[in-house]
Amino acid sequence: MGNIASTGASQIKPVWADEAMRLDPYKMPQQVSYGRAVDDISVTLDNKGAVMKRSLTCGLPLSIALPARAFVGVAARAYEHEDGTMTMTLELLHKDSDLSVPLCVSDDVEETACDWHSWARALGVPMVMIDAQGAQTIVKDAGILTEHTPQPRRRRISSLKHRPNFLRRRKTGVVGEVRKLEAREIIART
């Protein structure tokens, strides 16, 4: 569909891609920790976005709240090993690669594809494919699937402007044959 500008370090294998892991998109909130002992990162994911906690090089703790719209999308990558096997990774891709969040590392392509679609729908972000050269392509925009045109707040029908609001929802009655009754008034006088 559309290409996204690629980052220079997009094909360097991330630290978290060595171990198999899987976060379930249907159980929110989720928590994942990754990184080396020196630079340990803890991320809490929910439907609204992610909260990343890490320590700065000076030792101060840092918390960053990232809404789902701050991410480019849910990115899928494939890494081929020397023995010919493939490892698929899913990540919540951010323009800054340090803020990307790992979601799944698996050898099962079908499981990863299902999770890819589920994460994109759960967070309302596009599905992004990253090829071997590092080019990012939007495969499917899940945000379009979840958006819809809202219904107008009130129906304004020009023929009913003269009626009060509480009567506008009611149907007008059908007028049939009108009979005119003639009568005399009888008054008792004493």
C-alpha atoms as a PDB file:
ATOM      1  CA  MET A   1       0.000   0.000   0.000  1.00  0.00           C
ATOM      2  CA  GLY A   2       2.287   2.783   1.173  1.00  0.00           C
ATOM      3  CA  ASN A   3       5.979   2.982   1.907  1.00  0.00           C
ATOM      4  CA  ILE A   4       7.342   4.529   5.043  1.00  0.00           C
ATOM      5  CA  ALA A   5      10.812   6.023   5.248  1.00  0.00           C
ATOM      6  CA  SER A   6      13.174   3.366   6.573  1.00  0.00           C
ATOM      7  CA  THR A   7      15.543   3.878   9.442  1.00  0.00           C
ATOM      8  CA  GLY A   8      19.207   3.107   9.129  1.00  0.00           C
ATOM      9  CA  ALA A   9      19.329   0.507  11.916  1.00  0.00           C
ATOM     10  CA  SER A  10      16.142  -1.319  10.995  1.00  0.00           C
ATOM     11  CA  GLN A  11      17.732  -4.647  10.060  1.00  0.00           C
ATOM     12  CA  ILE A  12      20.061  -4.907  13.053  1.00  0.00           C
ATOM     13  CA  LYS A  13      18.637  -7.707  15.152  1.00  0.00           C
ATOM     14  CA  PRO A  14      17.279  -6.262  18.429  1.00  0.00           C
ATOM     15  CA  VAL A  15      18.473  -7.549  21.803  1.00  0.00           C
ATOM     16  CA  TRP A  16      15.058  -9.070  22.577  1.00  0.00           C
ATOM     17  CA  ALA A  17      14.884 -11.094  19.301  1.00  0.00           C
ATOM     18  CA  ASP A  18      17.107 -13.943  20.565  1.00  0.00           C
ATOM     19  CA  GLU A  19      14.615 -15.523  22.981  1.00  0.00           C
ATOM     20  CA  ALA A  20      11.132 -16.833  22.092  1.00  0.00           C
ATOM     21  CA  MET A  21       8.359 -14.741  23.629  1.00  0.00           C
ATOM     22  CA  ARG A  22       4.708 -13.959  23.015  1.00  0.00           C
ATOM     23  CA  LEU A  23       2.373 -11.354  24.480  1.00  0.00           C
ATOM     24  CA  ASP A  24      -1.333 -12.093  24.161  1.00  0.00           C
ATOM     25  CA  PRO A  25      -3.255  -9.239  22.475  1.00  0.00           C
ATOM     26  CA  TYR A  26      -6.502 -10.327  24.151  1.00  0.00           C
ATOM     27  CA  LYS A  27      -5.229 -10.016  27.737  1.00  0.00           C
ATOM     28  CA  MET A  28      -4.637  -6.411  28.641  1.00  0.00           C
ATOM     29  CA  PRO A  29      -2.661  -4.990  30.350  1.00  0.00           C
ATOM     30  CA  GLN A  30       0.487  -6.917  29.406  1.00  0.00           C
ATOM     31  CA  GLN A  31       3.952  -6.445  30.838  1.00  0.00           C
ATOM     32  CA  VAL A  32       7.309  -7.286  29.243  1.00  0.00           C
ATOM     33  CA  SER A  33      10.915  -6.746  30.324  1.00  0.00           C
ATOM     34  CA  TYR A  34      13.930  -6.946  28.048  1.00  0.00           C
ATOM     35  CA  GLY A  35      17.452  -5.617  27.670  1.00  0.00           C
ATOM     36  CA  ARG A  36      20.795  -6.260  29.258  1.00  0.00           C
ATOM     37  CA  ALA A  37      21.392  -6.175  32.996  1.00  0.00           C
ATOM     38  CA  VAL A  38      22.803  -2.649  32.698  1.00  0.00           C
ATOM     39  CA  ASP A  39      19.950  -1.262  30.567  1.00  0.00           C
ATOM     40  CA  ASP A  40      16.852  -3.195  31.680  1.00  0.00           C
ATOM     41  CA  ILE A  41      13.592  -1.896  30.165  1.00  0.00           C
ATOM     42  CA  SER A  42      10.115  -2.660  31.504  1.00  0.00           C
ATOM     43  CA  VAL A  43       7.033  -1.959  29.364  1.00  0.00           C
ATOM     44  CA  THR A  44       3.356  -2.134  30.309  1.00  0.00           C
ATOM     45  CA  LEU A  45       0.938  -2.328  27.354  1.00  0.00           C
ATOM     46  CA  ASP A  46      -2.794  -1.674  27.295  1.00  0.00           C
ATOM     47  CA  ASN A  47      -5.372  -0.658  24.677  1.00  0.00           C
ATOM     48  CA  LYS A  48      -4.424   3.008  25.001  1.00  0.00           C
ATOM     49  CA  GLY A  49      -0.665   2.602  24.479  1.00  0.00           C
ATOM     50  CA  ALA A  50       2.491   1.770  26.408  1.00  0.00           C
ATOM     51  CA  VAL A  51       4.294   2.934  29.538  1.00  0.00           C
ATOM     52  CA  MET A  52       8.048   2.383  29.317  1.00  0.00           C
ATOM     53  CA  LYS A  53      10.250   2.392  32.414  1.00  0.00           C
ATOM     54  CA  ARG A  54      14.032   2.441  32.194  1.00  0.00           C
ATOM     55  CA  SER A  55      17.069   3.899  33.924  1.00  0.00           C
ATOM     56  CA  LEU A  56      19.152   6.670  32.402  1.00  0.00           C
ATOM     57  CA  THR A  57      22.931   6.291  32.169  1.00  0.00           C
ATOM     58  CA  CYS A  58      23.278   8.508  35.245  1.00  0.00           C
ATOM     59  CA  GLY A  59      21.048   6.124  37.233  1.00  0.00           C
ATOM     60  CA  LEU A  60      17.849   8.171  37.362  1.00  0.00           C
ATOM     61  CA  PRO A  61      14.618   6.268  36.672  1.00  0.00           C
ATOM     62  CA  LEU A  62      12.619   7.388  33.629  1.00  0.00           C
ATOM     63  CA  SER A  63       8.981   6.648  32.767  1.00  0.00           C
ATOM     64  CA  ILE A  64       7.593   7.438  29.326  1.00  0.00           C
ATOM     65  CA  ALA A  65       3.882   7.176  28.497  1.00  0.00           C
ATOM     66  CA  LEU A  66       3.355   6.603  24.770  1.00  0.00           C
ATOM     67  CA  PRO A  67      -0.186   6.626  23.331  1.00  0.00           C
ATOM     68  CA  ALA A  68      -0.972   4.108  20.593  1.00  0.00           C
ATOM     69  CA  ARG A  69      -1.044   6.864  17.959  1.00  0.00           C
ATOM     70  CA  ALA A  70       2.635   7.654  18.717  1.00  0.00           C
ATOM     71  CA  PHE A  71       3.647   4.356  17.113  1.00  0.00           C
ATOM     72  CA  VAL A  72       4.049   3.814  13.359  1.00  0.00           C
ATOM     73  CA  GLY A  73       2.308   0.442  13.584  1.00  0.00           C
ATOM     74  CA  VAL A  74       2.750  -3.229  14.421  1.00  0.00           C
ATOM     75  CA  ALA A  75       5.778  -4.319  12.403  1.00  0.00           C
ATOM     76  CA  ALA A  76       6.581  -7.857  11.270  1.00  0.00           C
ATOM     77  CA  ARG A  77      10.142  -8.903  10.411  1.00  0.00           C
ATOM     78  CA  ALA A  78      11.642 -12.199   9.343  1.00  0.00           C
ATOM     79  CA  TYR A  79      15.194 -13.275  10.174  1.00  0.00           C
ATOM     80  CA  GLU A  80      16.741 -16.257   8.404  1.00  0.00           C
ATOM     81  CA  HIS A  81      19.216 -18.418  10.311  1.00  0.00           C
ATOM     82  CA  GLU A  82      22.222 -20.224   8.863  1.00  0.00           C
ATOM     83  CA  ASP A  83      20.380 -23.574   8.973  1.00  0.00           C
ATOM     84  CA  GLY A  84      17.538 -22.175   6.817  1.00  0.00           C
ATOM     85  CA  THR A  85      14.937 -21.714   9.551  1.00  0.00           C
ATOM     86  CA  MET A  86      13.068 -18.437   9.947  1.00  0.00           C
ATOM     87  CA  THR A  87      12.320 -16.427  13.052  1.00  0.00           C
ATOM     88  CA  MET A  88       9.401 -13.988  12.886  1.00  0.00           C
ATOM     89  CA  THR A  89       9.261 -10.980  15.177  1.00  0.00           C
ATOM     90  CA  LEU A  90       6.462  -8.544  15.912  1.00  0.00           C
ATOM     91  CA  GLU A  91       7.074  -5.178  17.473  1.00  0.00           C
ATOM     92  CA  LEU A  92       5.165  -2.023  18.168  1.00  0.00           C
ATOM     93  CA  LEU A  93       7.266   0.137  15.865  1.00  0.00           C
ATOM     94  CA  HIS A  94       8.246   3.671  16.845  1.00  0.00           C
ATOM     95  CA  LYS A  95      10.233   6.163  14.765  1.00  0.00           C
ATOM     96  CA  ASP A  96      12.884   6.049  17.490  1.00  0.00           C
ATOM     97  CA  SER A  97      14.064   2.427  17.556  1.00  0.00           C
ATOM     98  CA  ASP A  98      14.808   2.666  21.307  1.00  0.00           C
ATOM     99  CA  LEU A  99      11.075   3.189  21.956  1.00  0.00           C
ATOM    100  CA  SER A 100       9.881   0.176  19.911  1.00  0.00           C
ATOM    101  CA  VAL A 101       8.190  -2.512  22.019  1.00  0.00           C
ATOM    102  CA  PRO A 102       8.592  -6.275  21.360  1.00  0.00           C
ATOM    103  CA  LEU A 103       5.356  -8.240  21.078  1.00  0.00           C
ATOM    104  CA  CYS A 104       6.283 -11.674  19.719  1.00  0.00           C
ATOM    105  CA  VAL A 105       9.341 -13.732  18.715  1.00  0.00           C
ATOM    106  CA  SER A 106       8.398 -17.081  17.215  1.00  0.00           C
ATOM    107  CA  ASP A 107       9.327 -19.708  14.644  1.00  0.00           C
ATOM    108  CA  ASP A 108       5.635 -20.351  13.878  1.00  0.00           C
ATOM    109  CA  VAL A 109       4.613 -18.160  10.927  1.00  0.00           C
ATOM    110  CA  GLU A 110       0.850 -18.760  11.278  1.00  0.00           C
ATOM    111  CA  GLU A 111       0.792 -17.877  14.980  1.00  0.00           C
ATOM    112  CA  THR A 112       2.771 -14.710  14.310  1.00  0.00           C
ATOM    113  CA  ALA A 113       0.453 -13.677  11.445  1.00  0.00           C
ATOM    114  CA  CYS A 114      -2.624 -14.087  13.669  1.00  0.00           C
ATOM    115  CA  ASP A 115      -1.014 -12.069  16.448  1.00  0.00           C
ATOM    116  CA  TRP A 116       0.070  -9.403  13.935  1.00  0.00           C
ATOM    117  CA  HIS A 117      -3.523  -8.780  12.863  1.00  0.00           C
ATOM    118  CA  SER A 118      -4.869  -8.993  16.426  1.00  0.00           C
ATOM    119  CA  TRP A 119      -2.363  -6.477  17.825  1.00  0.00           C
ATOM    120  CA  ALA A 120      -3.081  -4.022  14.992  1.00  0.00           C
ATOM    121  CA  ARG A 121      -6.845  -4.186  15.652  1.00  0.00           C
ATOM    122  CA  ALA A 122      -6.455  -4.006  19.442  1.00  0.00           C
ATOM    123  CA  LEU A 123      -4.303  -0.864  19.300  1.00  0.00           C
ATOM    124  CA  GLY A 124      -5.874   0.681  16.179  1.00  0.00           C
ATOM    125  CA  VAL A 125      -2.550   1.054  14.344  1.00  0.00           C
ATOM    126  CA  PRO A 126      -1.474  -0.098  10.841  1.00  0.00           C
ATOM    127  CA  MET A 127       0.147  -3.438  10.032  1.00  0.00           C
ATOM    128  CA  VAL A 128       3.681  -2.755   8.753  1.00  0.00           C
ATOM    129  CA  MET A 129       6.010  -5.191   6.946  1.00  0.00           C
ATOM    130  CA  ILE A 130       9.766  -4.634   7.104  1.00  0.00           C
ATOM    131  CA  ASP A 131      11.684  -6.395   4.306  1.00  0.00           C
ATOM    132  CA  ALA A 132      15.330  -7.540   4.203  1.00  0.00           C
ATOM    133  CA  GLN A 133      16.532  -4.140   2.974  1.00  0.00           C
ATOM    134  CA  GLY A 134      14.773  -2.373   5.854  1.00  0.00           C
ATOM    135  CA  ALA A 135      12.000  -0.748   3.787  1.00  0.00           C
ATOM    136  CA  GLN A 136       8.755  -0.364   5.702  1.00  0.00           C
ATOM    137  CA  THR A 137       5.475  -0.980   3.875  1.00  0.00           C
ATOM    138  CA  ILE A 138       1.973  -0.576   5.291  1.00  0.00           C
ATOM    139  CA  VAL A 139       0.119  -3.814   4.587  1.00  0.00           C
ATOM    140  CA  LYS A 140      -3.233  -2.974   6.160  1.00  0.00           C
ATOM    141  CA  ASP A 141      -4.363   0.059   8.082  1.00  0.00           C
ATOM    142  CA  ALA A 142      -6.376  -1.254  11.043  1.00  0.00           C
ATOM    143  CA  GLY A 143      -7.240   2.298  12.081  1.00  0.00           C
ATOM    144  CA  ILE A 144      -9.447   2.627   9.006  1.00  0.00           C
ATOM    145  CA  LEU A 145     -11.292  -0.556   9.964  1.00  0.00           C
ATOM    146  CA  THR A 146     -12.149   0.749  13.414  1.00  0.00           C
ATOM    147  CA  GLU A 147     -13.105   4.270  12.349  1.00  0.00           C
ATOM    148  CA  HIS A 148     -16.581   4.978  11.099  1.00  0.00           C
ATOM    149  CA  THR A 149     -18.589   8.025  10.268  1.00  0.00           C
ATOM    150  CA  PRO A 150     -20.635   9.036  13.281  1.00  0.00           C
ATOM    151  CA  GLN A 151     -24.377   9.320  12.915  1.00  0.00           C
ATOM    152  CA  PRO A 152     -25.797  12.817  13.040  1.00  0.00           C
ATOM    153  CA  ARG A 153     -26.828  13.787  16.515  1.00  0.00           C
ATOM    154  CA  ARG A 154     -30.387  14.668  15.623  1.00  0.00           C
ATOM    155  CA  ARG A 155     -32.325  14.118  12.499  1.00  0.00           C
ATOM    156  CA  ARG A 156     -33.423  17.362  10.982  1.00  0.00           C
ATOM    157  CA  ILE A 157     -36.272  16.880   8.557  1.00  0.00           C
ATOM    158  CA  SER A 158     -37.370  20.075   6.906  1.00  0.00           C
ATOM    159  CA  SER A 159     -41.028  19.081   6.775  1.00  0.00           C
ATOM    160  CA  LEU A 160     -41.196  18.632  10.546  1.00  0.00           C
ATOM    161  CA  LYS A 161     -39.725  21.964  11.627  1.00  0.00           C
ATOM    162  CA  HIS A 162     -43.064  23.256  12.860  1.00  0.00           C
ATOM    163  CA  ARG A 163     -43.523  20.373  15.292  1.00  0.00           C
ATOM    164  CA  PRO A 164     -42.139  20.486  18.839  1.00  0.00           C
ATOM    165  CA  ASN A 165     -39.127  18.281  19.647  1.00  0.00           C
ATOM    166  CA  PHE A 166     -41.050  15.722  21.687  1.00  0.00           C
ATOM    167  CA  LEU A 167     -43.428  15.115  18.784  1.00  0.00           C
ATOM    168  CA  ARG A 168     -40.789  14.802  16.066  1.00  0.00           C
ATOM    169  CA  ARG A 169     -40.217  11.144  16.728  1.00  0.00           C
ATOM    170  CA  ARG A 170     -43.897  10.291  16.422  1.00  0.00           C
ATOM    171  CA  LYS A 171     -45.487   9.579  13.109  1.00  0.00           C
ATOM    172  CA  THR A 172     -48.155  11.957  11.956  1.00  0.00           C
ATOM    173  CA  GLY A 173     -51.643  10.501  11.942  1.00  0.00           C
ATOM    174  CA  VAL A 174     -53.456   9.684   8.743  1.00  0.00           C
ATOM    175  CA  VAL A 175     -56.519  11.857   8.249  1.00  0.00           C
ATOM    176  CA  GLY A 176     -59.536   9.942   6.928  1.00  0.00           C
ATOM    177  CA  GLU A 177     -63.064  11.116   6.161  1.00  0.00           C
ATOM    178  CA  VAL A 178     -64.082  13.922   8.515  1.00  0.00           C
ATOM    179  CA  ARG A 179     -67.678  13.963   9.761  1.00  0.00           C
ATOM    180  CA  LYS A 180     -69.223  17.173  10.920  1.00  0.00           C
ATOM    181  CA  LEU A 181     -71.730  16.785  13.713  1.00  0.00           C
ATOM    182  CA  GLU A 182     -74.551  19.234  14.219  1.00  0.00           C
ATOM    183  CA  ALA A 183     -76.128  19.604  17.602  1.00  0.00           C
ATOM    184  CA  ARG A 184     -78.023  22.084  19.679  1.00  0.00           C
ATOM    185  CA  GLU A 185     -77.138  23.026  23.166  1.00  0.00           C
ATOM    186  CA  ILE A 186     -79.833  22.578  25.717  1.00  0.00           C
ATOM    187  CA  ILE A 187     -79.601  24.829  28.698  1.00  0.00           C
ATOM    188  CA  ALA A 188     -81.868  24.277  31.679  1.00  0.00           C
ATOM    189  CA  ARG A 189     -83.246  27.593  32.915  1.00  0.00           C
ATOM    190  CA  THR A 190     -85.218  27.916  36.041  1.00  0.00           C
END
